[in-house]
Amino acid sequence: MIGVAVLAISAIVYFNKAADHRDAEESARLATLVDNRVKSAQSKFERYDFSGARNDLETASTELEETSLESIQILELADTVAMTRSKLKAREKEYQQKLKEGWVLFDGQLIRQEERARLVAERKEREERERRKREAAEARRRAAAQRAAEERERRQREAAAEKLKLDAYIMSQEFVKRRLKAPSTAQFPRFNDSDVIVAFSADTSKFTVLAWVEAQNAFGVFLRSDYLCSLWPTSGDNWQSDSVILD
C-alpha cells in the first residue's frame, strides 16, 4: 500500500510540474505577443496611425482576455495595454486639437501650414535638382556613346581606306594625265617609292595623293612636276576629284 501511495504522489508531482511548464511556456508566448503588439501600437500612433494602433491594442486585449492563466505577469501585461490605450487617446485628442488650429499632417509629422509649404517647396527644388543631375548624366552618357560610335566608325573607315590607297594612287594618275599636254608620255614613281604619299582623311572621306609626274611639254621636252591630287571613290570603280595641282 505504501508503494502505491508513493507512486500516486509521484504522478501528481509529475503532472503538476508538467502543467507548470506548459503554463510557463504559454505565459512567455503571450508576453512576447502582447509586447510586440504594444510596441507596434506605440510606433503607429507616434506616426498618427490611430486606426492601426487601436487594432494592435485590441488584438493584445483579446489575447489576454482569452487566456486562462492567472499571474502577476498577466496582470502587468493588461496594465501595459491599458496604459498604452490611454496614451493613444491622449495622442489622438492632441492630434484633433492641432487640426482645428490649422496644423496639417505631412510625412508622418504634424506641422503648421507655412512649414508644410516650405517643405513642399524644398522637396520640389530638390527633385528638380535631381532631375537635372539625371538629365546631365544621361546627356554625358549619350555623348560618350556617340563619341565611341564615331571613333569606331572612323577606325572602320580608316581600315577600309588602307585597302584603297593603291587604287587612289592609280586614279590620281588618271586625273593628272588630263592636265598634261602629252598624257601618253607620262611617267610616275612606283607606289612604294618614298616620293609617293597617299593619305586618307576620315573627316572628309577623301584621299590626298602627293607624288611627281614626268612628261613631255608642248615643246617635246620632258619635265618633272610635283602634283597634289584630292579624290574619293563614288560608286563601283568610279572616282571623283575636286583638286589637281601641278607644280
Foldseek 3Di string as FASTA:
>chain_A
DVVVVVVVVVVVVVVVVVVVVVLVVLLVVLLVLLVVLLVVLVVCVLLPNLVSSVVSLVVNVVSLVPDPDDDPSSVVSVVSSVVSVVVSVVSVVVVVVLVVVQWDRDPSDTGHPVVVVVVVVVVVVVVVVVVVVVVVVVVVVVVVVVVVVLVVVLVVLVVVVVVCQVVVVVVLLVVVLVVAPCSVFKDWDDCPDPQWDWDADSVVRKIKIWGKIWGQHPVGDTDIWIKIWIKHADPDSDIDTDDIDTD
